[in-house]
Amino acid sequence: MNALRVWSKADEVRMWLLCLHPGGGEARLFKEWAGRLPEEIGVAALELPGRGGRKGEPWAADVEEAVGAFADAAAPLLERPVMLYGHSMGAVLALDLA
């Protein structure tokens, strides 16, 4: 399953806020942010395997594996500027992803 979750209409977005959840969390933590930010800022999140909608998948073996999969999943967003936000372990992953 794809790691990317998108809650904004891509055609209305001028830049993306790409969120990475904490290790014990899941991507939907950021879902309601889409309704709280201006439409020009699209909200998307990357979800770790074994979490949320990816519960049936095996966990990533290490940070490098997770970040590599995240980079591939986030590629469709790169046509516009992307801001990264990570909480706790998500911040570590966001730093590596950057």
Protein backbone atom coordinates (compact mmCIF):
# COMPACT_ATOMS: atom_id res chain seq x y z
CA MET A 1 0.00 0.00 0.00
CA ASN A 2 1.14 3.54 -0.67
CA ALA A 3 2.49 5.50 2.29
CA LEU A 4 1.06 8.83 1.07
CA ARG A 5 -2.24 10.17 2.42
CA VAL A 6 -3.61 13.35 0.80
CA TRP A 7 -6.50 15.38 2.22
CA SER A 8 -6.47 18.39 -0.10
CA LYS A 9 -7.49 18.92 -3.71
CA ALA A 10 -4.23 19.03 -5.65
CA ASP A 11 -5.52 21.53 -8.23
CA GLU A 12 -6.14 24.16 -5.50
CA VAL A 13 -2.77 23.74 -3.78
CA ARG A 14 0.12 26.19 -4.14
CA MET A 15 2.34 24.38 -1.61
CA TRP A 16 2.19 21.19 0.42
CA LEU A 17 2.52 20.62 4.13
CA LEU A 18 3.83 17.06 4.31
CA CYS A 19 3.43 15.63 7.81
CA LEU A 20 5.18 12.69 9.44
CA HIS A 21 3.51 11.16 12.49
CA PRO A 22 5.21 10.06 15.73
CA GLY A 23 6.35 6.45 15.97
CA GLY A 24 3.26 5.32 17.87
CA GLY A 25 0.84 7.38 15.77
CA GLU A 26 -0.65 7.31 12.32
CA ALA A 27 -1.11 9.67 9.39
CA ARG A 28 -4.74 10.52 10.12
CA LEU A 29 -3.53 12.60 13.09
CA PHE A 30 -3.12 15.37 10.52
CA LYS A 31 -6.35 14.88 8.53
CA GLU A 32 -8.31 17.73 10.10
CA TRP A 33 -5.45 20.17 9.46
CA ALA A 34 -6.66 20.33 5.84
CA GLY A 35 -9.85 22.06 6.98
CA ARG A 36 -8.01 24.47 9.25
CA LEU A 37 -5.40 25.77 6.82
CA PRO A 38 -5.99 27.94 3.74
CA GLU A 39 -6.88 25.93 0.61
CA GLU A 40 -3.59 27.04 -0.97
CA ILE A 41 -1.73 24.89 1.57
CA GLY A 42 -2.36 21.25 0.85
CA VAL A 43 -2.09 18.74 3.67
CA ALA A 44 -0.62 15.31 3.12
CA ALA A 45 1.05 12.79 5.39
CA LEU A 46 3.32 9.80 5.12
CA GLU A 47 2.36 6.70 7.07
CA LEU A 48 4.82 4.14 8.39
CA PRO A 49 4.16 0.48 7.56
CA GLY A 50 2.50 -1.30 10.47
CA ARG A 51 0.54 1.84 11.45
CA GLY A 52 -2.95 3.15 10.65
CA GLY A 53 -4.14 2.04 7.22
CA ARG A 54 -0.93 0.04 6.79
CA LYS A 55 -1.35 -2.15 9.91
CA GLY A 56 -1.08 -5.41 7.97
CA GLU A 57 2.32 -4.53 6.53
CA PRO A 58 5.62 -5.45 8.18
CA TRP A 59 7.42 -2.61 9.91
CA ALA A 60 10.37 -0.96 8.18
CA ALA A 61 13.65 -2.64 9.10
CA ASP A 62 15.41 0.68 9.72
CA VAL A 63 15.21 4.44 9.20
CA GLU A 64 16.88 4.25 5.79
CA GLU A 65 14.25 1.82 4.51
CA ALA A 66 11.40 4.00 5.79
CA VAL A 67 12.87 7.21 4.37
CA GLY A 68 13.55 5.58 0.99
CA ALA A 69 9.93 4.44 0.75
CA PHE A 70 8.73 7.86 1.88
CA ALA A 71 10.83 9.62 -0.79
CA ASP A 72 9.24 7.48 -3.51
CA ALA A 73 5.73 8.00 -2.12
CA ALA A 74 6.13 11.79 -1.82
CA ALA A 75 7.45 12.25 -5.37
CA PRO A 76 4.05 13.28 -6.84
CA LEU A 77 3.94 16.30 -4.51
CA LEU A 78 7.28 17.70 -5.66
CA GLU A 79 5.77 19.69 -8.53
CA ARG A 80 5.04 22.37 -5.91
CA PRO A 81 6.98 23.61 -2.86
CA VAL A 82 6.84 21.22 0.09
CA MET A 83 7.13 22.06 3.80
CA LEU A 84 7.93 19.18 6.12
CA TYR A 85 6.49 18.77 9.60
CA GLY A 86 7.40 15.86 11.82
CA HIS A 87 6.40 15.14 15.39
CA SER A 88 8.80 13.19 17.64
CA MET A 89 10.13 10.27 15.57
CA GLY A 90 8.42 11.87 12.58
CA ALA A 91 10.77 14.84 13.00
CA VAL A 92 13.78 12.51 12.73
CA LEU A 93 12.33 10.98 9.58
CA ALA A 94 11.50 14.43 8.16
CA LEU A 95 15.09 15.56 8.69
CA ASP A 96 16.41 12.50 6.86
CA LEU A 97 13.82 12.93 4.12
CA ALA A 98 14.84 16.55 3.56
